[in-house]
Amino acid sequence: MVHDSTSGPGRKVTVRYKNPEYELADATYPLALISHSRISRDEERESRGTVRVHYAPEGYEPWADMTDPTQSPYTAQMPIPLNIDYQLDVYARKELHIIELTGSLMGFDFLPPRFGYLPVGEDGTIRRLDLLGGPDYTESKDEQGKRLFCASWALRVSSELFVSEISELSPAQRILIDFLDKQAWEEGAVRPLAATHEVTKTPLAVTTTALPAATAGHPYRQTLLAAGGHGETHWSLPEGSRLPAGLSLSHGGALFGTPQAPTSAGAPAEFHVAVRDSDHSPQVATAALTLTVSPAPPGS
């Protein structure tokens, strides 16, 4: 809030995250804009080593007392420390409002010069918040020729990126299921039943290896096929893959349309397709296919 002789109990200050579609010409003032500047690795917080994992990774045995994470025998690489930089710009029509906003923002609960912190409710953590610079004052005019006062701050928030979040995950190929006695389980005892079943996850693969030739100017339709996986399949074109002009690929695997032109010199057009199953941990298979589009017969 800001105050002046005409604002009564106060005038609200709008706070927005800046995006390319937002124009200052459409803004109402006072206004605070937060924009993201960059992400960089924080070498000062860099450390090499490991951290203890509080669960048993897939394929590894649990330890004796799973309720005590300090007994975990498993470790993972240390996280990569990152700095996320922002810029805060505050705009106002009146210089009095800029002065009041600067005083409010420099309080410890907003932009403290030292020992700042930022609680992140999404993951229940508290991040370090550093004031890198500011306030820097500028004065300009908007498109209507009216004076516009601005105060700017450079901010930095600490973060981490765990190696496990960027490593390629290998989907499970086998699932072992042990059947337990329900009544004994509810009474606190583990009593395995005699039968132990193994469920095998069938790999997903594209089985279509060749496509019949198409003719320019004539309707074309072929259905791509896949085997394995679980549940329904969803087909798509990987990024950068292009079908001959006039053809499309449906989510159900239908290659259809009317080719607009023959392929050059009779050489087939090459493209890639991808298919994904509907398992909880979906599998994805890709394949390279070729299609020859012949010229339309004379007089057709």
C-alpha atoms as a PDB file:
ATOM      1  CA  MET A   1       0.000   0.000   0.000  1.00  0.00           C
ATOM      2  CA  VAL A   2       1.025   3.607  -0.587  1.00  0.00           C
ATOM      3  CA  HIS A   3      -0.527   6.742   0.822  1.00  0.00           C
ATOM      4  CA  ASP A   4      -1.048  10.353  -0.230  1.00  0.00           C
ATOM      5  CA  SER A   5      -3.489  13.173   0.441  1.00  0.00           C
ATOM      6  CA  THR A   6      -6.072  11.734  -1.986  1.00  0.00           C
ATOM      7  CA  SER A   7      -5.756   8.001  -1.307  1.00  0.00           C
ATOM      8  CA  GLY A   8      -7.753   7.834   1.931  1.00  0.00           C
ATOM      9  CA  PRO A   9      -6.893   4.547   3.697  1.00  0.00           C
ATOM     10  CA  GLY A  10      -4.268   3.792   1.041  1.00  0.00           C
ATOM     11  CA  ARG A  11      -3.729   2.798  -2.558  1.00  0.00           C
ATOM     12  CA  LYS A  12      -3.014  -0.829  -3.470  1.00  0.00           C
ATOM     13  CA  VAL A  13       0.197  -1.692  -5.304  1.00  0.00           C
ATOM     14  CA  THR A  14      -0.181  -4.340  -8.009  1.00  0.00           C
ATOM     15  CA  VAL A  15       2.550  -7.016  -8.109  1.00  0.00           C
ATOM     16  CA  ARG A  16       3.014  -9.059 -11.294  1.00  0.00           C
ATOM     17  CA  TYR A  17       5.472 -11.492 -12.815  1.00  0.00           C
ATOM     18  CA  LYS A  18       6.662  -9.972 -16.058  1.00  0.00           C
ATOM     19  CA  ASN A  19       5.998 -11.877 -19.274  1.00  0.00           C
ATOM     20  CA  PRO A  20       6.432 -11.012 -22.961  1.00  0.00           C
ATOM     21  CA  GLU A  21       2.718 -10.292 -23.385  1.00  0.00           C
ATOM     22  CA  TYR A  22       2.633  -7.691 -20.616  1.00  0.00           C
ATOM     23  CA  GLU A  23       2.946  -4.069 -21.716  1.00  0.00           C
ATOM     24  CA  LEU A  24       3.548  -1.126 -19.393  1.00  0.00           C
ATOM     25  CA  ALA A  25       1.145   0.886 -21.522  1.00  0.00           C
ATOM     26  CA  ASP A  26      -1.663  -1.318 -20.154  1.00  0.00           C
ATOM     27  CA  ALA A  27      -0.546  -1.024 -16.537  1.00  0.00           C
ATOM     28  CA  THR A  28      -2.055   0.786 -13.600  1.00  0.00           C
ATOM     29  CA  TYR A  29       0.242   2.406 -11.047  1.00  0.00           C
ATOM     30  CA  PRO A  30       1.843   1.961  -8.556  1.00  0.00           C
ATOM     31  CA  LEU A  31       3.147  -1.315 -10.014  1.00  0.00           C
ATOM     32  CA  ALA A  32       5.830  -3.860  -9.064  1.00  0.00           C
ATOM     33  CA  LEU A  33       7.191  -6.157 -11.795  1.00  0.00           C
ATOM     34  CA  ILE A  34       9.283  -9.244 -11.001  1.00  0.00           C
ATOM     35  CA  SER A  35      11.256 -10.658 -13.947  1.00  0.00           C
ATOM     36  CA  HIS A  36      13.583 -13.655 -14.145  1.00  0.00           C
ATOM     37  CA  SER A  37      17.133 -12.782 -15.257  1.00  0.00           C
ATOM     38  CA  ARG A  38      19.290 -15.928 -15.314  1.00  0.00           C
ATOM     39  CA  ILE A  39      20.235 -19.225 -13.683  1.00  0.00           C
ATOM     40  CA  SER A  40      23.884 -19.921 -12.889  1.00  0.00           C
ATOM     41  CA  ARG A  41      25.913 -22.439 -10.906  1.00  0.00           C
ATOM     42  CA  ASP A  42      27.021 -21.226  -7.490  1.00  0.00           C
ATOM     43  CA  GLU A  43      30.681 -22.232  -7.226  1.00  0.00           C
ATOM     44  CA  GLU A  44      30.965 -20.835  -3.685  1.00  0.00           C
ATOM     45  CA  ARG A  45      28.481 -23.431  -2.445  1.00  0.00           C
ATOM     46  CA  GLU A  46      29.985 -26.156  -4.623  1.00  0.00           C
ATOM     47  CA  SER A  47      31.015 -29.312  -2.789  1.00  0.00           C
ATOM     48  CA  ARG A  48      31.935 -32.804  -3.868  1.00  0.00           C
ATOM     49  CA  GLY A  49      30.671 -35.807  -2.004  1.00  0.00           C
ATOM     50  CA  THR A  50      27.502 -37.707  -1.305  1.00  0.00           C
ATOM     51  CA  VAL A  51      24.261 -37.431   0.627  1.00  0.00           C
ATOM     52  CA  ARG A  52      22.433 -40.294   2.325  1.00  0.00           C
ATOM     53  CA  VAL A  53      19.330 -41.577   0.543  1.00  0.00           C
ATOM     54  CA  HIS A  54      16.415 -42.205   2.925  1.00  0.00           C
ATOM     55  CA  TYR A  55      14.847 -44.947   0.786  1.00  0.00           C
ATOM     56  CA  ALA A  56      15.984 -48.149  -0.920  1.00  0.00           C
ATOM     57  CA  PRO A  57      16.498 -47.467  -4.646  1.00  0.00           C
ATOM     58  CA  GLU A  58      14.723 -49.733  -7.087  1.00  0.00           C
ATOM     59  CA  GLY A  59      16.357 -53.155  -7.211  1.00  0.00           C
ATOM     60  CA  TYR A  60      18.161 -52.775  -3.848  1.00  0.00           C
ATOM     61  CA  GLU A  61      17.336 -54.465  -0.561  1.00  0.00           C
ATOM     62  CA  PRO A  62      15.767 -52.460   2.318  1.00  0.00           C
ATOM     63  CA  TRP A  63      17.667 -52.209   5.573  1.00  0.00           C
ATOM     64  CA  ALA A  64      16.607 -53.621   8.925  1.00  0.00           C
ATOM     65  CA  ASP A  65      14.759 -50.566  10.298  1.00  0.00           C
ATOM     66  CA  MET A  66      13.302 -48.584   7.398  1.00  0.00           C
ATOM     67  CA  THR A  67      11.797 -46.085   9.871  1.00  0.00           C
ATOM     68  CA  ASP A  68      15.312 -44.849  10.699  1.00  0.00           C
ATOM     69  CA  PRO A  69      16.778 -43.084   7.605  1.00  0.00           C
ATOM     70  CA  THR A  70      20.147 -42.653   9.338  1.00  0.00           C
ATOM     71  CA  GLN A  71      20.734 -46.408   8.926  1.00  0.00           C
ATOM     72  CA  SER A  72      20.398 -46.217   5.140  1.00  0.00           C
ATOM     73  CA  PRO A  73      23.409 -47.788   3.393  1.00  0.00           C
ATOM     74  CA  TYR A  74      22.658 -45.933   0.144  1.00  0.00           C
ATOM     75  CA  THR A  75      24.073 -42.599  -0.967  1.00  0.00           C
ATOM     76  CA  ALA A  76      23.697 -40.276  -3.962  1.00  0.00           C
ATOM     77  CA  GLN A  77      25.823 -37.531  -5.492  1.00  0.00           C
ATOM     78  CA  MET A  78      25.723 -34.115  -3.904  1.00  0.00           C
ATOM     79  CA  PRO A  79      23.260 -31.651  -5.465  1.00  0.00           C
ATOM     80  CA  ILE A  80      24.448 -28.949  -7.870  1.00  0.00           C
ATOM     81  CA  PRO A  81      24.032 -25.520  -6.233  1.00  0.00           C
ATOM     82  CA  LEU A  82      22.308 -22.954  -8.435  1.00  0.00           C
ATOM     83  CA  ASN A  83      21.589 -19.233  -8.254  1.00  0.00           C
ATOM     84  CA  ILE A  84      18.292 -17.959  -9.657  1.00  0.00           C
ATOM     85  CA  ASP A  85      18.477 -14.218 -10.336  1.00  0.00           C
ATOM     86  CA  TYR A  86      15.525 -11.844 -10.557  1.00  0.00           C
ATOM     87  CA  GLN A  87      14.990  -8.144 -11.107  1.00  0.00           C
ATOM     88  CA  LEU A  88      12.337  -6.208  -9.238  1.00  0.00           C
ATOM     89  CA  ASP A  89      11.156  -2.960 -10.833  1.00  0.00           C
ATOM     90  CA  VAL A  90       8.713  -0.697  -9.002  1.00  0.00           C
ATOM     91  CA  TYR A  91       6.915   2.030 -10.975  1.00  0.00           C
ATOM     92  CA  ALA A  92       4.884   4.969  -9.692  1.00  0.00           C
ATOM     93  CA  ARG A  93       3.456   8.210 -11.018  1.00  0.00           C
ATOM     94  CA  LYS A  94       4.372  10.107  -7.851  1.00  0.00           C
ATOM     95  CA  GLU A  95       7.835  10.429  -6.386  1.00  0.00           C
ATOM     96  CA  LEU A  96       6.256  10.265  -2.920  1.00  0.00           C
ATOM     97  CA  HIS A  97       5.026   6.734  -3.691  1.00  0.00           C
ATOM     98  CA  ILE A  98       8.485   5.572  -4.820  1.00  0.00           C
ATOM     99  CA  ILE A  99      10.003   6.849  -1.567  1.00  0.00           C
ATOM    100  CA  GLU A 100       7.352   5.069   0.515  1.00  0.00           C
ATOM    101  CA  LEU A 101       7.683   1.822  -1.452  1.00  0.00           C
ATOM    102  CA  THR A 102      11.475   1.872  -1.151  1.00  0.00           C
ATOM    103  CA  GLY A 103      11.210   2.235   2.624  1.00  0.00           C
ATOM    104  CA  SER A 104       8.704  -0.632   2.846  1.00  0.00           C
ATOM    105  CA  LEU A 105      10.646  -3.025   0.620  1.00  0.00           C
ATOM    106  CA  MET A 106      13.926  -2.505   2.467  1.00  0.00           C
ATOM    107  CA  GLY A 107      12.414  -3.991   5.629  1.00  0.00           C
ATOM    108  CA  PHE A 108      13.705  -7.349   6.895  1.00  0.00           C
ATOM    109  CA  ASP A 109      10.550  -9.188   5.818  1.00  0.00           C
ATOM    110  CA  PHE A 110      10.983  -8.058   2.183  1.00  0.00           C
ATOM    111  CA  LEU A 111      14.481  -7.172   0.900  1.00  0.00           C
ATOM    112  CA  PRO A 112      16.932  -7.206   3.830  1.00  0.00           C
ATOM    113  CA  PRO A 113      20.539  -6.209   3.030  1.00  0.00           C
ATOM    114  CA  ARG A 114      21.765  -9.303   4.970  1.00  0.00           C
ATOM    115  CA  PHE A 115      20.466 -12.742   6.002  1.00  0.00           C
ATOM    116  CA  GLY A 116      17.400 -12.689   3.790  1.00  0.00           C
ATOM    117  CA  TYR A 117      15.317 -15.815   3.297  1.00  0.00           C
ATOM    118  CA  LEU A 118      12.424 -16.932   1.121  1.00  0.00           C
ATOM    119  CA  PRO A 119       9.985 -19.634   2.317  1.00  0.00           C
ATOM    120  CA  VAL A 120       8.795 -21.879  -0.527  1.00  0.00           C
ATOM    121  CA  GLY A 121       5.448 -23.376   0.373  1.00  0.00           C
ATOM    122  CA  GLU A 122       5.392 -25.853  -2.546  1.00  0.00           C
ATOM    123  CA  ASP A 123       8.182 -28.023  -1.095  1.00  0.00           C
ATOM    124  CA  GLY A 124       8.276 -26.751   2.506  1.00  0.00           C
ATOM    125  CA  THR A 125      11.818 -25.374   2.223  1.00  0.00           C
ATOM    126  CA  ILE A 126      13.387 -22.035   3.099  1.00  0.00           C
ATOM    127  CA  ARG A 127      15.738 -20.562   0.489  1.00  0.00           C
ATOM    128  CA  ARG A 128      18.467 -17.990   0.842  1.00  0.00           C
ATOM    129  CA  LEU A 129      17.560 -14.560  -0.552  1.00  0.00           C
ATOM    130  CA  ASP A 130      20.401 -12.146  -1.361  1.00  0.00           C
ATOM    131  CA  LEU A 131      20.074  -8.493  -2.342  1.00  0.00           C
ATOM    132  CA  LEU A 132      22.705  -8.032  -5.063  1.00  0.00           C
ATOM    133  CA  GLY A 133      22.033  -4.369  -5.752  1.00  0.00           C
ATOM    134  CA  GLY A 134      19.599  -1.528  -5.502  1.00  0.00           C
ATOM    135  CA  PRO A 135      17.605   0.452  -5.209  1.00  0.00           C
ATOM    136  CA  ASP A 136      18.615   2.183  -8.439  1.00  0.00           C
ATOM    137  CA  TYR A 137      16.386   5.126  -9.349  1.00  0.00           C
ATOM    138  CA  THR A 138      15.410   6.222 -12.842  1.00  0.00           C
ATOM    139  CA  GLU A 139      12.869   8.655 -14.225  1.00  0.00           C
ATOM    140  CA  SER A 140      11.208   8.403 -17.619  1.00  0.00           C
ATOM    141  CA  LYS A 141       7.973   9.127 -19.432  1.00  0.00           C
ATOM    142  CA  ASP A 142       5.312   6.708 -20.612  1.00  0.00           C
ATOM    143  CA  GLU A 143       3.675   6.673 -24.060  1.00  0.00           C
ATOM    144  CA  GLN A 144       1.273   9.392 -22.920  1.00  0.00           C
ATOM    145  CA  GLY A 145       4.132  11.685 -21.946  1.00  0.00           C
ATOM    146  CA  LYS A 146       3.458  11.365 -18.207  1.00  0.00           C
ATOM    147  CA  ARG A 147       6.332  11.118 -15.734  1.00  0.00           C
ATOM    148  CA  LEU A 148       7.127   7.656 -14.437  1.00  0.00           C
ATOM    149  CA  PHE A 149       9.427   7.053 -11.461  1.00  0.00           C
ATOM    150  CA  CYS A 150      11.166   3.665 -11.111  1.00  0.00           C
ATOM    151  CA  ALA A 151      13.230   1.909  -8.449  1.00  0.00           C
ATOM    152  CA  SER A 152      15.049  -1.338  -9.305  1.00  0.00           C
ATOM    153  CA  TRP A 153      16.613  -4.142  -7.257  1.00  0.00           C
ATOM    154  CA  ALA A 154      18.708  -7.177  -8.292  1.00  0.00           C
ATOM    155  CA  LEU A 155      17.836 -10.302  -6.265  1.00  0.00           C
ATOM    156  CA  ARG A 156      19.253 -13.820  -5.983  1.00  0.00           C
ATOM    157  CA  VAL A 157      17.546 -16.952  -4.640  1.00  0.00           C
ATOM    158  CA  SER A 158      19.496 -20.122  -3.828  1.00  0.00           C
ATOM    159  CA  SER A 159      18.431 -23.470  -5.213  1.00  0.00           C
ATOM    160  CA  GLU A 160      19.775 -26.958  -5.906  1.00  0.00           C
ATOM    161  CA  LEU A 161      19.524 -29.455  -8.741  1.00  0.00           C
ATOM    162  CA  PHE A 162      19.967 -33.109  -7.790  1.00  0.00           C
ATOM    163  CA  VAL A 163      21.787 -35.304 -10.256  1.00  0.00           C
ATOM    164  CA  SER A 164      19.017 -37.885  -9.881  1.00  0.00           C
ATOM    165  CA  GLU A 165      16.578 -35.361 -11.372  1.00  0.00           C
ATOM    166  CA  ILE A 166      18.480 -35.087 -14.647  1.00  0.00           C
ATOM    167  CA  SER A 167      19.773 -38.642 -15.085  1.00  0.00           C
ATOM    168  CA  GLU A 168      17.979 -40.830 -17.588  1.00  0.00           C
ATOM    169  CA  LEU A 169      15.702 -43.199 -15.708  1.00  0.00           C
ATOM    170  CA  SER A 170      15.540 -46.855 -16.708  1.00  0.00           C
ATOM    171  CA  PRO A 171      11.981 -48.256 -16.578  1.00  0.00           C
ATOM    172  CA  ALA A 172      11.393 -51.463 -14.652  1.00  0.00           C
ATOM    173  CA  GLN A 173      11.383 -54.580 -16.823  1.00  0.00           C
ATOM    174  CA  ARG A 174      10.263 -57.069 -14.151  1.00  0.00           C
ATOM    175  CA  ILE A 175       7.962 -56.709 -11.161  1.00  0.00           C
ATOM    176  CA  LEU A 176       8.016 -59.305  -8.367  1.00  0.00           C
ATOM    177  CA  ILE A 177       4.811 -59.652  -6.372  1.00  0.00           C
ATOM    178  CA  ASP A 178       4.704 -61.468  -3.003  1.00  0.00           C
ATOM    179  CA  PHE A 179       1.246 -62.399  -1.707  1.00  0.00           C
ATOM    180  CA  LEU A 180       0.734 -61.931   2.050  1.00  0.00           C
ATOM    181  CA  ASP A 181      -1.948 -63.109   4.424  1.00  0.00           C
ATOM    182  CA  LYS A 182      -4.277 -60.097   4.864  1.00  0.00           C
ATOM    183  CA  GLN A 183      -5.495 -60.937   8.370  1.00  0.00           C
ATOM    184  CA  ALA A 184      -1.972 -61.539   9.625  1.00  0.00           C
ATOM    185  CA  TRP A 185      -0.868 -58.252   8.025  1.00  0.00           C
ATOM    186  CA  GLU A 186      -3.604 -56.332   9.816  1.00  0.00           C
ATOM    187  CA  GLU A 187      -2.512 -57.937  13.084  1.00  0.00           C
ATOM    188  CA  GLY A 188       1.043 -56.746  12.532  1.00  0.00           C
ATOM    189  CA  ALA A 189       2.572 -59.998  11.309  1.00  0.00           C
ATOM    190  CA  VAL A 190       4.084 -60.703   7.881  1.00  0.00           C
ATOM    191  CA  ARG A 191       3.030 -64.148   6.686  1.00  0.00           C
ATOM    192  CA  PRO A 192       3.901 -64.777   3.029  1.00  0.00           C
ATOM    193  CA  LEU A 193       1.690 -67.130   1.079  1.00  0.00           C
ATOM    194  CA  ALA A 194       3.226 -69.936  -0.897  1.00  0.00           C
ATOM    195  CA  ALA A 195       2.569 -68.465  -4.358  1.00  0.00           C
ATOM    196  CA  THR A 196       5.008 -65.887  -5.711  1.00  0.00           C
ATOM    197  CA  HIS A 197       4.203 -64.518  -9.145  1.00  0.00           C
ATOM    198  CA  GLU A 198       6.447 -62.669 -11.542  1.00  0.00           C
ATOM    199  CA  VAL A 199       5.012 -60.082 -13.918  1.00  0.00           C
ATOM    200  CA  THR A 200       7.130 -59.349 -16.969  1.00  0.00           C
ATOM    201  CA  LYS A 201       6.933 -55.966 -18.638  1.00  0.00           C
ATOM    202  CA  THR A 202       6.948 -56.511 -22.403  1.00  0.00           C
ATOM    203  CA  PRO A 203       9.089 -53.939 -24.242  1.00  0.00           C
ATOM    204  CA  LEU A 204       7.226 -51.636 -26.622  1.00  0.00           C
ATOM    205  CA  ALA A 205       8.323 -51.670 -30.277  1.00  0.00           C
ATOM    206  CA  VAL A 206       7.169 -50.323 -33.635  1.00  0.00           C
ATOM    207  CA  THR A 207       6.383 -53.312 -35.863  1.00  0.00           C
ATOM    208  CA  THR A 208       5.642 -51.408 -39.078  1.00  0.00           C
ATOM    209  CA  THR A 209       8.845 -51.539 -41.099  1.00  0.00           C
ATOM    210  CA  ALA A 210       7.690 -50.644 -44.611  1.00  0.00           C
ATOM    211  CA  LEU A 211       4.960 -48.501 -46.154  1.00  0.00           C
ATOM    212  CA  PRO A 212       3.328 -48.962 -49.560  1.00  0.00           C
ATOM    213  CA  ALA A 213       4.002 -46.184 -52.055  1.00  0.00           C
ATOM    214  CA  ALA A 214       1.608 -43.238 -52.345  1.00  0.00           C
ATOM    215  CA  THR A 215       0.558 -41.261 -55.418  1.00  0.00           C
ATOM    216  CA  ALA A 216       0.567 -37.474 -55.598  1.00  0.00           C
ATOM    217  CA  GLY A 217      -2.953 -36.046 -55.634  1.00  0.00           C
ATOM    218  CA  HIS A 218      -4.564 -39.346 -54.533  1.00  0.00           C
ATOM    219  CA  PRO A 219      -5.864 -40.100 -50.994  1.00  0.00           C
ATOM    220  CA  TYR A 220      -3.558 -42.256 -48.897  1.00  0.00           C
ATOM    221  CA  ARG A 221      -4.162 -44.117 -45.628  1.00  0.00           C
ATOM    222  CA  GLN A 222      -2.104 -46.655 -43.700  1.00  0.00           C
ATOM    223  CA  THR A 223      -2.219 -47.671 -40.036  1.00  0.00           C
ATOM    224  CA  LEU A 224       1.056 -47.955 -38.116  1.00  0.00           C
ATOM    225  CA  LEU A 225       1.385 -50.938 -35.785  1.00  0.00           C
ATOM    226  CA  ALA A 226       3.217 -51.525 -32.506  1.00  0.00           C
ATOM    227  CA  ALA A 227       3.666 -54.524 -30.222  1.00  0.00           C
ATOM    228  CA  GLY A 228       4.306 -54.882 -26.494  1.00  0.00           C
ATOM    229  CA  GLY A 229       3.808 -52.232 -23.861  1.00  0.00           C
ATOM    230  CA  HIS A 230       0.705 -51.870 -21.747  1.00  0.00           C
ATOM    231  CA  GLY A 231      -2.700 -50.425 -22.571  1.00  0.00           C
ATOM    232  CA  GLU A 232      -3.510 -48.007 -25.374  1.00  0.00           C
ATOM    233  CA  THR A 233      -0.823 -46.450 -27.561  1.00  0.00           C
ATOM    234  CA  HIS A 234      -0.346 -42.803 -28.555  1.00  0.00           C
ATOM    235  CA  TRP A 235       1.516 -41.954 -31.774  1.00  0.00           C
ATOM    236  CA  SER A 236       3.346 -38.730 -32.583  1.00  0.00           C
ATOM    237  CA  LEU A 237       6.156 -37.236 -34.645  1.00  0.00           C
ATOM    238  CA  PRO A 238       9.378 -36.494 -32.740  1.00  0.00           C
ATOM    239  CA  GLU A 239      10.625 -32.930 -32.861  1.00  0.00           C
ATOM    240  CA  GLY A 240      12.177 -32.152 -36.230  1.00  0.00           C
ATOM    241  CA  SER A 241      10.472 -35.017 -38.089  1.00  0.00           C
ATOM    242  CA  ARG A 242       8.384 -34.028 -41.142  1.00  0.00           C
ATOM    243  CA  LEU A 243       5.921 -36.023 -43.230  1.00  0.00           C
ATOM    244  CA  PRO A 244       5.532 -35.463 -46.979  1.00  0.00           C
ATOM    245  CA  ALA A 245       3.342 -32.411 -47.601  1.00  0.00           C
ATOM    246  CA  GLY A 246      -0.357 -33.247 -47.376  1.00  0.00           C
ATOM    247  CA  LEU A 247      -0.013 -36.185 -44.957  1.00  0.00           C
ATOM    248  CA  SER A 248      -0.778 -36.283 -41.226  1.00  0.00           C
ATOM    249  CA  LEU A 249      -0.344 -38.768 -38.374  1.00  0.00           C
ATOM    250  CA  SER A 250      -3.222 -39.307 -35.930  1.00  0.00           C
ATOM    251  CA  HIS A 251      -2.784 -40.208 -32.252  1.00  0.00           C
ATOM    252  CA  GLY A 252      -4.171 -43.651 -33.103  1.00  0.00           C
ATOM    253  CA  GLY A 253      -1.382 -44.332 -35.611  1.00  0.00           C
ATOM    254  CA  ALA A 254      -3.229 -43.569 -38.870  1.00  0.00           C
ATOM    255  CA  LEU A 255      -1.046 -42.057 -41.591  1.00  0.00           C
ATOM    256  CA  PHE A 256      -3.520 -40.303 -43.872  1.00  0.00           C
ATOM    257  CA  GLY A 257      -4.081 -37.445 -46.303  1.00  0.00           C
ATOM    258  CA  THR A 258      -3.438 -36.568 -49.947  1.00  0.00           C
ATOM    259  CA  PRO A 259       0.225 -36.136 -50.901  1.00  0.00           C
ATOM    260  CA  GLN A 260       0.727 -32.843 -52.691  1.00  0.00           C
ATOM    261  CA  ALA A 261       3.845 -33.649 -54.697  1.00  0.00           C
ATOM    262  CA  PRO A 262       5.990 -36.643 -55.628  1.00  0.00           C
ATOM    263  CA  THR A 263       9.254 -37.254 -53.813  1.00  0.00           C
ATOM    264  CA  SER A 264      12.260 -35.940 -55.685  1.00  0.00           C
ATOM    265  CA  ALA A 265      13.802 -38.270 -58.302  1.00  0.00           C
ATOM    266  CA  GLY A 266      11.750 -41.166 -57.005  1.00  0.00           C
ATOM    267  CA  ALA A 267      13.754 -41.284 -53.764  1.00  0.00           C
ATOM    268  CA  PRO A 268      11.669 -42.066 -50.665  1.00  0.00           C
ATOM    269  CA  ALA A 269      11.043 -39.449 -47.998  1.00  0.00           C
ATOM    270  CA  GLU A 270      12.424 -40.455 -44.579  1.00  0.00           C
ATOM    271  CA  PHE A 271      10.771 -39.511 -41.287  1.00  0.00           C
ATOM    272  CA  HIS A 272      10.621 -40.749 -37.711  1.00  0.00           C
ATOM    273  CA  VAL A 273       7.598 -41.776 -35.635  1.00  0.00           C
ATOM    274  CA  ALA A 274       7.217 -42.309 -31.879  1.00  0.00           C
ATOM    275  CA  VAL A 275       4.701 -44.400 -29.938  1.00  0.00           C
ATOM    276  CA  ARG A 276       4.019 -44.266 -26.191  1.00  0.00           C
ATOM    277  CA  ASP A 277       2.000 -46.738 -24.134  1.00  0.00           C
ATOM    278  CA  SER A 278      -0.386 -45.879 -21.279  1.00  0.00           C
ATOM    279  CA  ASP A 279       1.465 -47.622 -18.446  1.00  0.00           C
ATOM    280  CA  HIS A 280       2.013 -45.789 -15.150  1.00  0.00           C
ATOM    281  CA  SER A 281       5.684 -45.560 -16.192  1.00  0.00           C
ATOM    282  CA  PRO A 282       5.141 -45.245 -19.954  1.00  0.00           C
ATOM    283  CA  GLN A 283       7.491 -46.782 -22.481  1.00  0.00           C
ATOM    284  CA  VAL A 284       8.379 -44.930 -25.682  1.00  0.00           C
ATOM    285  CA  ALA A 285       9.551 -46.542 -28.930  1.00  0.00           C
ATOM    286  CA  THR A 286      10.717 -44.801 -32.090  1.00  0.00           C
ATOM    287  CA  ALA A 287      11.341 -45.948 -35.655  1.00  0.00           C
ATOM    288  CA  ALA A 288      12.557 -44.503 -38.945  1.00  0.00           C
ATOM    289  CA  LEU A 289      10.215 -45.057 -41.899  1.00  0.00           C
ATOM    290  CA  THR A 290      10.370 -44.189 -45.573  1.00  0.00           C
ATOM    291  CA  LEU A 291       7.583 -43.390 -48.013  1.00  0.00           C
ATOM    292  CA  THR A 292       7.801 -42.968 -51.785  1.00  0.00           C
ATOM    293  CA  VAL A 293       5.278 -40.607 -53.419  1.00  0.00           C
ATOM    294  CA  SER A 294       4.974 -41.334 -57.133  1.00  0.00           C
ATOM    295  CA  PRO A 295       3.848 -38.765 -59.733  1.00  0.00           C
ATOM    296  CA  ALA A 296       0.180 -38.842 -60.686  1.00  0.00           C
ATOM    297  CA  PRO A 297      -0.540 -40.770 -63.931  1.00  0.00           C
ATOM    298  CA  PRO A 298      -1.019 -38.551 -67.021  1.00  0.00           C
ATOM    299  CA  GLY A 299      -4.587 -37.325 -67.346  1.00  0.00           C
ATOM    300  CA  SER A 300      -5.568 -38.239 -63.779  1.00  0.00           C
END
